[in-house]
Amino acid sequence: MPGKLTEQVALWRANPDAVGISSGITVRSDGRNIVRLAPERATFDDFLRSRITEVHPSAMLYSRSDLVDGPVGLVDEQLPASYGEDYDLLLRATKHGDILSVPQPLVRVLWDRPSFFAGQWQYIADGLTYLLRKFPEFERYPKGVARVAGQVAFAHAALGHKKEAFACARSSLHRDKTQLRAWAAYPVALGVVKPQTLLDAVQKTGRGL
């Protein structure tokens, strides 16, 4: 949106210790525009608890020196199919500082168009499993582990991998009995409901599984 970089650079100049700058987003889904505002400050622990989808990769500004020559580094090329690379980058970055966000929707995210990862459930399962192993700090927040394990369970369910889906769902619900992604994995794995049906319903609210 007009003024995006101006607003973000001004915020960064006022807060030079920030490791990155984001903004709010407007999600275009099912013909509607849904405004999602990012928290003004997000820490490493915040991202362990939640992916904070409002901090969208399309909105992010990082310092080139932090990525190329500094402590954060570039994209992790070992991530299976590169799924979750933006989340991995946020986790690594916020070990060295916080993400600040302009409290305005300065980016439009067009969910009315297909995603590269749409229906790529194996990529999703492998990428998220990799992240859980890479960041043992997740165990500090059981609900954070449950969230990711629930996503993995749903992905395996969509693939028809009942054993893996049930195991991941149990692991998720052991940590957080309210984790809806884990509960959703059961009817999908049993063939009661199609995964895309649930995904479409959630995306209409401007959110994802």
N, C-alpha and C. Protein backbone atom coordinates (compact mmCIF):
# COMPACT_ATOMS: atom_id res chain seq x y z
N MET A 1 0.84 -1.18 0.00
CA MET A 1 0.00 0.00 0.00
C MET A 1 0.89 1.25 0.00
N PRO A 2 0.38 2.38 -0.50
CA PRO A 2 1.18 3.61 -0.49
C PRO A 2 1.62 3.97 0.92
N GLY A 3 2.88 4.36 1.04
CA GLY A 3 3.40 4.77 2.34
C GLY A 3 3.95 3.66 3.20
N LYS A 4 3.91 2.41 2.70
CA LYS A 4 4.37 1.28 3.51
C LYS A 4 5.80 1.47 4.01
N LEU A 5 6.72 1.66 3.10
CA LEU A 5 8.12 1.77 3.48
C LEU A 5 8.38 3.02 4.32
N THR A 6 7.72 4.11 4.00
CA THR A 6 7.89 5.35 4.77
C THR A 6 7.52 5.14 6.23
N GLU A 7 6.36 4.51 6.45
CA GLU A 7 5.89 4.26 7.82
C GLU A 7 6.82 3.29 8.55
N GLN A 8 7.27 2.26 7.86
CA GLN A 8 8.10 1.26 8.51
C GLN A 8 9.49 1.80 8.85
N VAL A 9 10.07 2.54 7.93
CA VAL A 9 11.40 3.09 8.18
C VAL A 9 11.35 4.10 9.33
N ALA A 10 10.29 4.89 9.39
CA ALA A 10 10.14 5.84 10.49
C ALA A 10 10.06 5.11 11.83
N LEU A 11 9.33 3.99 11.87
CA LEU A 11 9.23 3.22 13.10
C LEU A 11 10.58 2.63 13.47
N TRP A 12 11.34 2.17 12.49
CA TRP A 12 12.64 1.57 12.76
C TRP A 12 13.64 2.61 13.25
N ARG A 13 13.59 3.79 12.66
CA ARG A 13 14.50 4.85 13.11
C ARG A 13 14.21 5.25 14.56
N ALA A 14 12.94 5.17 14.95
CA ALA A 14 12.57 5.48 16.33
C ALA A 14 12.90 4.33 17.28
N ASN A 15 13.12 3.12 16.72
CA ASN A 15 13.41 1.94 17.53
C ASN A 15 14.54 1.14 16.87
N PRO A 16 15.76 1.68 16.91
CA PRO A 16 16.86 1.06 16.16
C PRO A 16 17.26 -0.32 16.67
N ASP A 17 16.81 -0.71 17.85
CA ASP A 17 17.17 -2.02 18.38
C ASP A 17 16.28 -3.14 17.84
N ALA A 18 15.24 -2.79 17.12
CA ALA A 18 14.36 -3.82 16.54
C ALA A 18 15.12 -4.65 15.52
N VAL A 19 14.83 -5.95 15.46
CA VAL A 19 15.50 -6.83 14.50
C VAL A 19 14.75 -6.86 13.17
N GLY A 20 13.52 -6.38 13.17
CA GLY A 20 12.74 -6.33 11.93
C GLY A 20 11.48 -5.51 12.13
N ILE A 21 10.89 -5.09 11.04
CA ILE A 21 9.69 -4.25 11.08
C ILE A 21 8.62 -4.86 10.18
N SER A 22 7.42 -4.98 10.72
CA SER A 22 6.29 -5.50 9.97
C SER A 22 5.17 -4.45 9.97
N SER A 23 3.97 -4.89 9.62
CA SER A 23 2.80 -4.01 9.63
C SER A 23 1.56 -4.87 9.69
N GLY A 24 0.40 -4.24 9.75
CA GLY A 24 -0.84 -4.97 9.62
C GLY A 24 -1.06 -5.39 8.18
N ILE A 25 -2.06 -6.26 7.97
CA ILE A 25 -2.36 -6.74 6.63
C ILE A 25 -3.87 -6.67 6.38
N THR A 26 -4.23 -6.62 5.11
CA THR A 26 -5.62 -6.79 4.69
C THR A 26 -5.69 -8.09 3.90
N VAL A 27 -6.43 -9.06 4.41
CA VAL A 27 -6.56 -10.36 3.75
C VAL A 27 -7.78 -10.33 2.83
N ARG A 28 -7.55 -10.64 1.57
CA ARG A 28 -8.64 -10.75 0.60
C ARG A 28 -9.03 -12.22 0.50
N SER A 29 -10.21 -12.58 1.02
CA SER A 29 -10.64 -13.97 1.04
C SER A 29 -12.13 -14.05 0.80
N ASP A 30 -12.52 -14.94 -0.10
CA ASP A 30 -13.94 -15.17 -0.41
C ASP A 30 -14.63 -13.86 -0.78
N GLY A 31 -13.91 -12.99 -1.49
CA GLY A 31 -14.49 -11.74 -1.95
C GLY A 31 -14.59 -10.65 -0.91
N ARG A 32 -14.02 -10.87 0.27
CA ARG A 32 -14.09 -9.87 1.34
C ARG A 32 -12.69 -9.43 1.75
N ASN A 33 -12.59 -8.20 2.23
CA ASN A 33 -11.35 -7.68 2.78
C ASN A 33 -11.42 -7.73 4.30
N ILE A 34 -10.47 -8.44 4.91
CA ILE A 34 -10.45 -8.62 6.36
C ILE A 34 -9.15 -8.02 6.90
N VAL A 35 -9.26 -7.02 7.74
CA VAL A 35 -8.09 -6.35 8.30
C VAL A 35 -7.58 -7.13 9.50
N ARG A 36 -6.29 -7.43 9.49
CA ARG A 36 -5.63 -8.12 10.61
C ARG A 36 -4.44 -7.26 11.04
N LEU A 37 -4.48 -6.73 12.24
CA LEU A 37 -3.39 -5.89 12.74
C LEU A 37 -2.41 -6.71 13.56
N ALA A 38 -1.14 -6.55 13.25
CA ALA A 38 -0.09 -7.24 13.99
C ALA A 38 0.12 -6.58 15.34
N PRO A 39 0.60 -7.34 16.34
CA PRO A 39 0.94 -6.71 17.62
C PRO A 39 2.06 -5.70 17.43
N GLU A 40 2.05 -4.65 18.21
CA GLU A 40 3.07 -3.61 18.04
C GLU A 40 4.46 -4.14 18.32
N ARG A 41 4.59 -5.17 19.16
CA ARG A 41 5.89 -5.79 19.45
C ARG A 41 5.70 -7.29 19.58
N ALA A 42 6.58 -8.07 18.98
CA ALA A 42 6.52 -9.52 19.08
C ALA A 42 7.92 -10.06 19.37
N THR A 43 8.01 -10.92 20.37
CA THR A 43 9.28 -11.47 20.83
C THR A 43 9.44 -12.93 20.39
N PHE A 44 10.60 -13.48 20.65
CA PHE A 44 10.87 -14.89 20.36
C PHE A 44 9.84 -15.78 21.06
N ASP A 45 9.58 -15.50 22.33
CA ASP A 45 8.62 -16.31 23.07
C ASP A 45 7.21 -16.16 22.51
N ASP A 46 6.88 -14.98 22.02
CA ASP A 46 5.57 -14.80 21.39
C ASP A 46 5.42 -15.71 20.17
N PHE A 47 6.50 -15.83 19.39
CA PHE A 47 6.43 -16.66 18.19
C PHE A 47 6.48 -18.15 18.52
N LEU A 48 7.01 -18.51 19.67
CA LEU A 48 6.91 -19.90 20.11
C LEU A 48 5.46 -20.24 20.46
N ARG A 49 4.78 -19.28 21.07
CA ARG A 49 3.38 -19.51 21.46
C ARG A 49 2.45 -19.49 20.27
N SER A 50 2.75 -18.63 19.27
CA SER A 50 1.86 -18.45 18.13
C SER A 50 2.66 -18.04 16.90
N ARG A 51 2.23 -18.49 15.74
CA ARG A 51 2.87 -18.06 14.50
C ARG A 51 2.64 -16.57 14.26
N ILE A 52 1.59 -16.02 14.84
CA ILE A 52 1.21 -14.60 14.64
C ILE A 52 1.14 -14.31 13.14
N THR A 53 0.13 -14.86 12.51
CA THR A 53 0.02 -14.74 11.05
C THR A 53 -0.12 -13.30 10.58
N GLU A 54 -0.51 -12.39 11.48
CA GLU A 54 -0.58 -10.98 11.11
C GLU A 54 0.80 -10.43 10.75
N VAL A 55 1.86 -11.03 11.31
CA VAL A 55 3.23 -10.65 10.93
C VAL A 55 3.56 -11.44 9.66
N HIS A 56 3.15 -10.88 8.55
CA HIS A 56 3.20 -11.60 7.27
C HIS A 56 4.55 -11.40 6.59
N PRO A 57 5.10 -12.43 5.95
CA PRO A 57 6.41 -12.27 5.30
C PRO A 57 6.42 -11.19 4.24
N SER A 58 5.28 -10.93 3.60
CA SER A 58 5.24 -9.88 2.57
C SER A 58 5.39 -8.49 3.15
N ALA A 59 5.18 -8.37 4.45
CA ALA A 59 5.27 -7.06 5.10
C ALA A 59 6.63 -6.80 5.72
N MET A 60 7.45 -7.85 5.86
CA MET A 60 8.66 -7.75 6.69
C MET A 60 9.79 -6.94 6.05
N LEU A 61 10.45 -6.17 6.91
CA LEU A 61 11.73 -5.55 6.58
C LEU A 61 12.78 -6.10 7.54
N TYR A 62 13.91 -6.54 6.99
CA TYR A 62 15.05 -6.98 7.79
C TYR A 62 16.27 -6.16 7.39
N SER A 63 17.26 -6.16 8.24
CA SER A 63 18.52 -5.53 7.90
C SER A 63 19.36 -6.49 7.06
N ARG A 64 19.84 -6.01 5.92
CA ARG A 64 20.66 -6.85 5.05
C ARG A 64 21.88 -7.38 5.79
N SER A 65 22.47 -6.54 6.62
CA SER A 65 23.67 -6.98 7.33
C SER A 65 23.36 -8.11 8.31
N ASP A 66 22.17 -8.09 8.91
CA ASP A 66 21.79 -9.18 9.82
C ASP A 66 21.62 -10.49 9.07
N LEU A 67 21.11 -10.42 7.85
CA LEU A 67 20.86 -11.63 7.08
C LEU A 67 22.11 -12.16 6.40
N VAL A 68 22.90 -11.27 5.83
CA VAL A 68 24.04 -11.70 5.02
C VAL A 68 25.29 -11.93 5.86
N ASP A 69 25.59 -10.99 6.73
CA ASP A 69 26.84 -11.07 7.49
C ASP A 69 26.64 -11.20 8.99
N GLY A 70 25.40 -11.05 9.46
CA GLY A 70 25.15 -10.99 10.88
C GLY A 70 24.63 -12.27 11.49
N PRO A 71 24.02 -12.15 12.66
CA PRO A 71 23.66 -13.33 13.45
C PRO A 71 22.42 -14.07 12.96
N VAL A 72 21.58 -13.45 12.15
CA VAL A 72 20.33 -14.10 11.76
C VAL A 72 20.56 -15.12 10.65
N GLY A 73 21.25 -14.70 9.60
CA GLY A 73 21.52 -15.61 8.49
C GLY A 73 20.41 -15.64 7.47
N LEU A 74 20.68 -16.33 6.38
CA LEU A 74 19.74 -16.41 5.26
C LEU A 74 18.72 -17.52 5.48
N VAL A 75 17.93 -17.77 4.47
CA VAL A 75 16.91 -18.82 4.53
C VAL A 75 17.57 -20.18 4.77
N ASP A 76 16.94 -20.98 5.60
CA ASP A 76 17.44 -22.33 5.90
C ASP A 76 17.14 -23.24 4.71
N GLU A 77 18.16 -23.60 3.95
CA GLU A 77 17.98 -24.41 2.75
C GLU A 77 17.70 -25.87 3.07
N GLN A 78 17.79 -26.25 4.36
CA GLN A 78 17.53 -27.64 4.74
C GLN A 78 16.05 -27.90 5.02
N LEU A 79 15.24 -26.85 5.08
CA LEU A 79 13.82 -27.03 5.34
C LEU A 79 13.17 -27.85 4.23
N PRO A 80 12.47 -28.92 4.57
CA PRO A 80 11.83 -29.74 3.53
C PRO A 80 10.87 -28.92 2.68
N ALA A 81 11.13 -28.89 1.39
CA ALA A 81 10.31 -28.15 0.42
C ALA A 81 10.21 -26.67 0.74
N SER A 82 11.07 -26.19 1.63
CA SER A 82 11.08 -24.78 2.06
C SER A 82 9.80 -24.36 2.78
N TYR A 83 9.00 -25.33 3.23
CA TYR A 83 7.76 -24.96 3.92
C TYR A 83 8.08 -24.43 5.32
N GLY A 84 7.54 -23.26 5.65
CA GLY A 84 7.77 -22.66 6.96
C GLY A 84 9.02 -21.82 7.04
N GLU A 85 9.62 -21.49 5.89
CA GLU A 85 10.88 -20.74 5.93
C GLU A 85 10.71 -19.35 6.54
N ASP A 86 9.54 -18.75 6.33
CA ASP A 86 9.30 -17.43 6.92
C ASP A 86 9.18 -17.52 8.44
N TYR A 87 8.54 -18.58 8.93
CA TYR A 87 8.41 -18.79 10.38
C TYR A 87 9.77 -19.07 10.99
N ASP A 88 10.55 -19.91 10.33
CA ASP A 88 11.90 -20.21 10.80
C ASP A 88 12.73 -18.93 10.90
N LEU A 89 12.62 -18.07 9.90
CA LEU A 89 13.38 -16.82 9.89
C LEU A 89 12.96 -15.91 11.04
N LEU A 90 11.65 -15.83 11.29
CA LEU A 90 11.16 -15.03 12.41
C LEU A 90 11.68 -15.55 13.74
N LEU A 91 11.68 -16.85 13.91
CA LEU A 91 12.17 -17.44 15.16
C LEU A 91 13.66 -17.16 15.34
N ARG A 92 14.44 -17.34 14.29
CA ARG A 92 15.88 -17.07 14.40
C ARG A 92 16.15 -15.60 14.65
N ALA A 93 15.42 -14.74 13.96
CA ALA A 93 15.65 -13.30 14.09
C ALA A 93 15.34 -12.81 15.49
N THR A 94 14.22 -13.27 16.04
CA THR A 94 13.79 -12.74 17.34
C THR A 94 14.59 -13.31 18.51
N LYS A 95 15.54 -14.16 18.23
CA LYS A 95 16.52 -14.50 19.27
C LYS A 95 17.49 -13.34 19.49
N HIS A 96 17.48 -12.38 18.57
CA HIS A 96 18.43 -11.27 18.63
C HIS A 96 17.75 -9.91 18.77
N GLY A 97 16.43 -9.89 18.85
CA GLY A 97 15.71 -8.63 18.99
C GLY A 97 14.23 -8.86 18.72
N ASP A 98 13.44 -7.84 18.89
CA ASP A 98 12.00 -7.95 18.71
C ASP A 98 11.57 -7.47 17.32
N ILE A 99 10.40 -7.96 16.89
CA ILE A 99 9.76 -7.47 15.68
C ILE A 99 8.75 -6.41 16.08
N LEU A 100 8.86 -5.21 15.51
CA LEU A 100 7.88 -4.15 15.73
C LEU A 100 7.02 -4.00 14.49
N SER A 101 5.78 -3.57 14.69
CA SER A 101 4.86 -3.46 13.56
C SER A 101 4.14 -2.12 13.56
N VAL A 102 4.02 -1.56 12.38
CA VAL A 102 3.20 -0.36 12.19
C VAL A 102 1.73 -0.78 12.36
N PRO A 103 0.96 -0.10 13.21
CA PRO A 103 -0.42 -0.51 13.47
C PRO A 103 -1.40 -0.09 12.38
N GLN A 104 -1.03 -0.40 11.13
CA GLN A 104 -1.88 -0.10 9.98
C GLN A 104 -1.77 -1.25 8.99
N PRO A 105 -2.83 -1.53 8.23
CA PRO A 105 -2.74 -2.57 7.20
C PRO A 105 -2.06 -2.03 5.95
N LEU A 106 -0.78 -2.30 5.80
CA LEU A 106 0.01 -1.73 4.72
C LEU A 106 0.31 -2.72 3.60
N VAL A 107 -0.22 -3.94 3.72
CA VAL A 107 -0.03 -4.98 2.70
C VAL A 107 -1.36 -5.68 2.46
N ARG A 108 -1.64 -5.98 1.20
CA ARG A 108 -2.82 -6.78 0.87
C ARG A 108 -2.39 -8.20 0.54
N VAL A 109 -2.97 -9.17 1.23
CA VAL A 109 -2.65 -10.58 1.02
C VAL A 109 -3.83 -11.21 0.28
N LEU A 110 -3.59 -11.68 -0.95
CA LEU A 110 -4.67 -12.13 -1.82
C LEU A 110 -4.87 -13.64 -1.68
N TRP A 111 -5.71 -14.03 -0.73
CA TRP A 111 -6.01 -15.45 -0.54
C TRP A 111 -7.01 -15.97 -1.56
N ASP A 112 -7.54 -15.10 -2.42
CA ASP A 112 -8.44 -15.55 -3.48
C ASP A 112 -7.66 -16.24 -4.60
N ARG A 113 -6.34 -16.18 -4.53
CA ARG A 113 -5.51 -16.85 -5.53
C ARG A 113 -4.90 -18.10 -4.90
N PRO A 114 -4.62 -19.14 -5.71
CA PRO A 114 -4.08 -20.38 -5.14
C PRO A 114 -2.67 -20.20 -4.60
N SER A 115 -2.36 -20.91 -3.53
CA SER A 115 -1.02 -20.91 -2.94
C SER A 115 -0.23 -22.08 -3.50
N PHE A 116 1.09 -21.91 -3.57
CA PHE A 116 1.97 -23.00 -4.02
C PHE A 116 1.81 -24.22 -3.13
N PHE A 117 1.57 -23.98 -1.83
CA PHE A 117 1.49 -25.08 -0.87
C PHE A 117 0.08 -25.62 -0.69
N ALA A 118 -0.89 -25.08 -1.43
CA ALA A 118 -2.26 -25.57 -1.29
C ALA A 118 -2.34 -27.05 -1.63
N GLY A 119 -2.77 -27.84 -0.66
CA GLY A 119 -2.89 -29.28 -0.87
C GLY A 119 -1.60 -30.06 -0.80
N GLN A 120 -0.48 -29.39 -0.56
CA GLN A 120 0.82 -30.07 -0.46
C GLN A 120 1.03 -30.53 0.98
N TRP A 121 0.22 -31.46 1.39
CA TRP A 121 0.18 -31.85 2.81
C TRP A 121 1.47 -32.49 3.29
N GLN A 122 2.15 -33.24 2.43
CA GLN A 122 3.40 -33.87 2.86
C GLN A 122 4.46 -32.82 3.13
N TYR A 123 4.51 -31.79 2.26
CA TYR A 123 5.46 -30.69 2.50
C TYR A 123 5.17 -30.02 3.84
N ILE A 124 3.90 -29.81 4.12
CA ILE A 124 3.50 -29.15 5.36
C ILE A 124 3.89 -29.98 6.57
N ALA A 125 3.59 -31.28 6.52
CA ALA A 125 3.93 -32.16 7.64
C ALA A 125 5.43 -32.21 7.86
N ASP A 126 6.20 -32.35 6.78
CA ASP A 126 7.66 -32.46 6.91
C ASP A 126 8.28 -31.16 7.40
N GLY A 127 7.81 -30.03 6.85
CA GLY A 127 8.39 -28.74 7.24
C GLY A 127 8.13 -28.41 8.70
N LEU A 128 6.92 -28.63 9.17
CA LEU A 128 6.60 -28.30 10.56
C LEU A 128 7.27 -29.26 11.54
N THR A 129 7.39 -30.53 11.16
CA THR A 129 8.10 -31.48 12.01
C THR A 129 9.56 -31.06 12.15
N TYR A 130 10.15 -30.61 11.06
CA TYR A 130 11.53 -30.12 11.08
C TYR A 130 11.68 -28.95 12.05
N LEU A 131 10.73 -28.02 12.03
CA LEU A 131 10.81 -26.85 12.91
C LEU A 131 10.70 -27.24 14.38
N LEU A 132 9.84 -28.19 14.69
CA LEU A 132 9.71 -28.63 16.08
C LEU A 132 11.03 -29.22 16.58
N ARG A 133 11.72 -29.93 15.71
CA ARG A 133 13.00 -30.52 16.10
C ARG A 133 14.11 -29.46 16.16
N LYS A 134 14.03 -28.49 15.28
CA LYS A 134 15.08 -27.47 15.22
C LYS A 134 15.03 -26.54 16.42
N PHE A 135 13.81 -26.26 16.92
CA PHE A 135 13.67 -25.32 18.03
C PHE A 135 13.11 -26.06 19.26
N PRO A 136 13.98 -26.67 20.05
CA PRO A 136 13.52 -27.35 21.27
C PRO A 136 12.88 -26.38 22.26
N GLU A 137 13.09 -25.08 22.06
CA GLU A 137 12.48 -24.08 22.95
C GLU A 137 10.95 -24.12 22.91
N PHE A 138 10.39 -24.74 21.87
CA PHE A 138 8.94 -24.88 21.81
C PHE A 138 8.39 -25.54 23.08
N GLU A 139 9.17 -26.44 23.66
CA GLU A 139 8.71 -27.19 24.83
C GLU A 139 8.46 -26.29 26.03
N ARG A 140 8.94 -25.07 25.98
CA ARG A 140 8.63 -24.12 27.07
C ARG A 140 7.17 -23.75 27.08
N TYR A 141 6.51 -23.92 25.95
CA TYR A 141 5.11 -23.52 25.83
C TYR A 141 4.30 -24.68 25.27
N PRO A 142 3.70 -25.48 26.13
CA PRO A 142 2.94 -26.64 25.65
C PRO A 142 1.90 -26.31 24.60
N LYS A 143 1.24 -25.15 24.73
CA LYS A 143 0.23 -24.79 23.73
C LYS A 143 0.87 -24.49 22.39
N GLY A 144 2.11 -23.99 22.40
CA GLY A 144 2.81 -23.75 21.15
C GLY A 144 3.14 -25.05 20.44
N VAL A 145 3.61 -26.04 21.21
CA VAL A 145 3.88 -27.36 20.63
C VAL A 145 2.58 -27.97 20.12
N ALA A 146 1.51 -27.85 20.92
CA ALA A 146 0.22 -28.43 20.54
C ALA A 146 -0.29 -27.84 19.24
N ARG A 147 -0.07 -26.55 19.06
CA ARG A 147 -0.53 -25.88 17.82
C ARG A 147 0.15 -26.49 16.61
N VAL A 148 1.47 -26.60 16.66
CA VAL A 148 2.21 -27.12 15.50
C VAL A 148 1.93 -28.60 15.32
N ALA A 149 1.89 -29.36 16.42
CA ALA A 149 1.59 -30.79 16.32
C ALA A 149 0.19 -31.01 15.76
N GLY A 150 -0.74 -30.12 16.10
CA GLY A 150 -2.08 -30.21 15.55
C GLY A 150 -2.09 -29.98 14.05
N GLN A 151 -1.28 -29.06 13.58
CA GLN A 151 -1.16 -28.82 12.14
C GLN A 151 -0.57 -30.04 11.43
N VAL A 152 0.44 -30.65 12.06
CA VAL A 152 1.04 -31.85 11.49
C VAL A 152 0.03 -32.99 11.45
N ALA A 153 -0.75 -33.12 12.53
CA ALA A 153 -1.78 -34.15 12.58
C ALA A 153 -2.79 -33.97 11.45
N PHE A 154 -3.21 -32.74 11.24
CA PHE A 154 -4.19 -32.45 10.17
C PHE A 154 -3.60 -32.78 8.81
N ALA A 155 -2.33 -32.43 8.60
CA ALA A 155 -1.69 -32.71 7.32
C ALA A 155 -1.62 -34.22 7.06
N HIS A 156 -1.23 -34.98 8.08
CA HIS A 156 -1.19 -36.44 7.92
C HIS A 156 -2.59 -37.00 7.67
N ALA A 157 -3.57 -36.43 8.35
CA ALA A 157 -4.95 -36.88 8.13
C ALA A 157 -5.37 -36.65 6.69
N ALA A 158 -5.01 -35.48 6.16
CA ALA A 158 -5.36 -35.16 4.77
C ALA A 158 -4.67 -36.12 3.79
N LEU A 159 -3.52 -36.64 4.18
CA LEU A 159 -2.79 -37.58 3.34
C LEU A 159 -3.32 -39.01 3.47
N GLY A 160 -4.21 -39.22 4.44
CA GLY A 160 -4.71 -40.57 4.69
C GLY A 160 -3.80 -41.40 5.57
N HIS A 161 -2.86 -40.73 6.24
CA HIS A 161 -1.94 -41.42 7.16
C HIS A 161 -2.57 -41.48 8.55
N LYS A 162 -3.47 -42.44 8.76
CA LYS A 162 -4.22 -42.48 10.01
C LYS A 162 -3.33 -42.64 11.23
N LYS A 163 -2.38 -43.55 11.17
CA LYS A 163 -1.52 -43.82 12.32
C LYS A 163 -0.77 -42.57 12.74
N GLU A 164 -0.14 -41.90 11.77
CA GLU A 164 0.62 -40.69 12.07
C GLU A 164 -0.30 -39.56 12.54
N ALA A 165 -1.47 -39.45 11.90
CA ALA A 165 -2.41 -38.40 12.27
C ALA A 165 -2.89 -38.57 13.71
N PHE A 166 -3.26 -39.80 14.07
CA PHE A 166 -3.75 -40.04 15.43
C PHE A 166 -2.64 -39.83 16.46
N ALA A 167 -1.41 -40.24 16.13
CA ALA A 167 -0.29 -40.07 17.06
C ALA A 167 0.00 -38.59 17.30
N CYS A 168 0.03 -37.81 16.24
CA CYS A 168 0.29 -36.38 16.39
C CYS A 168 -0.86 -35.67 17.09
N ALA A 169 -2.09 -36.10 16.79
CA ALA A 169 -3.25 -35.49 17.45
C ALA A 169 -3.22 -35.78 18.95
N ARG A 170 -2.87 -37.00 19.33
CA ARG A 170 -2.78 -37.33 20.76
C ARG A 170 -1.69 -36.50 21.43
N SER A 171 -0.55 -36.37 20.75
CA SER A 171 0.54 -35.56 21.31
C SER A 171 0.11 -34.12 21.51
N SER A 172 -0.63 -33.59 20.54
CA SER A 172 -1.12 -32.22 20.63
C SER A 172 -2.11 -32.06 21.78
N LEU A 173 -3.09 -32.95 21.84
CA LEU A 173 -4.15 -32.82 22.85
C LEU A 173 -3.64 -33.12 24.25
N HIS A 174 -2.55 -33.88 24.36
CA HIS A 174 -1.93 -34.11 25.67
C HIS A 174 -1.43 -32.79 26.26
N ARG A 175 -1.01 -31.89 25.39
CA ARG A 175 -0.49 -30.60 25.84
C ARG A 175 -1.57 -29.52 25.91
N ASP A 176 -2.57 -29.64 25.05
CA ASP A 176 -3.64 -28.64 25.03
C ASP A 176 -4.93 -29.29 24.52
N LYS A 177 -5.82 -29.58 25.43
CA LYS A 177 -7.05 -30.29 25.07
C LYS A 177 -8.00 -29.43 24.22
N THR A 178 -7.72 -28.14 24.10
CA THR A 178 -8.58 -27.26 23.31
C THR A 178 -8.06 -27.03 21.89
N GLN A 179 -6.98 -27.73 21.51
CA GLN A 179 -6.37 -27.51 20.20
C GLN A 179 -7.28 -28.05 19.08
N LEU A 180 -7.95 -27.14 18.38
CA LEU A 180 -8.95 -27.53 17.40
C LEU A 180 -8.35 -28.23 16.18
N ARG A 181 -7.13 -27.90 15.82
CA ARG A 181 -6.51 -28.55 14.66
C ARG A 181 -6.36 -30.04 14.91
N ALA A 182 -5.99 -30.39 16.15
CA ALA A 182 -5.85 -31.81 16.48
C ALA A 182 -7.19 -32.52 16.45
N TRP A 183 -8.23 -31.89 17.01
CA TRP A 183 -9.55 -32.49 16.97
C TRP A 183 -10.03 -32.65 15.53
N ALA A 184 -9.73 -31.67 14.69
CA ALA A 184 -10.18 -31.73 13.29
C ALA A 184 -9.51 -32.87 12.53
N ALA A 185 -8.32 -33.28 12.98
CA ALA A 185 -7.60 -34.35 12.29
C ALA A 185 -8.36 -35.67 12.34
N TYR A 186 -9.12 -35.90 13.40
CA TYR A 186 -9.82 -37.19 13.54
C TYR A 186 -10.88 -37.41 12.47
N PRO A 187 -11.84 -36.51 12.29
CA PRO A 187 -12.83 -36.75 11.23
C PRO A 187 -12.24 -36.76 9.83
N VAL A 188 -11.16 -35.98 9.62
CA VAL A 188 -10.51 -35.98 8.31
C VAL A 188 -9.83 -37.33 8.07
N ALA A 189 -9.12 -37.83 9.07
CA ALA A 189 -8.43 -39.12 8.93
C ALA A 189 -9.41 -40.26 8.72
N LEU A 190 -10.60 -40.15 9.32
CA LEU A 190 -11.61 -41.20 9.21
C LEU A 190 -12.46 -41.05 7.95
N GLY A 191 -12.21 -39.99 7.18
CA GLY A 191 -12.94 -39.79 5.94
C GLY A 191 -14.33 -39.22 6.11
N VAL A 192 -14.62 -38.69 7.29
CA VAL A 192 -15.94 -38.13 7.56
C VAL A 192 -16.11 -36.78 6.87
N VAL A 193 -15.03 -36.02 6.77
CA VAL A 193 -15.07 -34.70 6.15
C VAL A 193 -13.79 -34.51 5.34
N LYS A 194 -13.89 -33.78 4.25
CA LYS A 194 -12.72 -33.53 3.41
C LYS A 194 -11.89 -32.39 4.02
N PRO A 195 -10.57 -32.48 3.94
CA PRO A 195 -9.72 -31.42 4.51
C PRO A 195 -9.99 -30.06 3.89
N GLN A 196 -10.25 -30.03 2.59
CA GLN A 196 -10.46 -28.75 1.93
C GLN A 196 -11.72 -28.06 2.41
N THR A 197 -12.72 -28.84 2.82
CA THR A 197 -13.95 -28.26 3.35
C THR A 197 -13.67 -27.45 4.60
N LEU A 198 -12.87 -28.00 5.51
CA LEU A 198 -12.52 -27.28 6.73
C LEU A 198 -11.61 -26.10 6.42
N LEU A 199 -10.67 -26.31 5.51
CA LEU A 199 -9.74 -25.24 5.16
C LEU A 199 -10.49 -24.05 4.56
N ASP A 200 -11.44 -24.33 3.66
CA ASP A 200 -12.22 -23.25 3.04
C ASP A 200 -13.01 -22.48 4.10
N ALA A 201 -13.59 -23.20 5.05
CA ALA A 201 -14.40 -22.56 6.09
C ALA A 201 -13.56 -21.62 6.95
N VAL A 202 -12.35 -22.06 7.30
CA VAL A 202 -11.48 -21.25 8.13
C VAL A 202 -10.96 -20.04 7.36
N GLN A 203 -10.60 -20.23 6.10
CA GLN A 203 -10.02 -19.15 5.31
C GLN A 203 -11.02 -18.03 5.05
N LYS A 204 -12.31 -18.35 5.08
CA LYS A 204 -13.31 -17.31 4.91
C LYS A 204 -13.26 -16.29 6.04
N THR A 205 -12.69 -16.67 7.17
CA THR A 205 -12.56 -15.75 8.31
C THR A 205 -11.25 -14.97 8.26
N GLY A 206 -10.43 -15.21 7.21
CA GLY A 206 -9.15 -14.52 7.11
C GLY A 206 -8.06 -15.19 7.91
N ARG A 207 -8.29 -16.47 8.24
CA ARG A 207 -7.29 -17.23 9.00
C ARG A 207 -6.98 -18.52 8.27
N GLY A 208 -5.95 -19.21 8.73
CA GLY A 208 -5.58 -20.47 8.12
C GLY A 208 -5.47 -21.56 9.17
N LEU A 209 -5.38 -22.80 8.70
CA LEU A 209 -5.19 -23.92 9.63
C LEU A 209 -3.74 -23.99 10.09
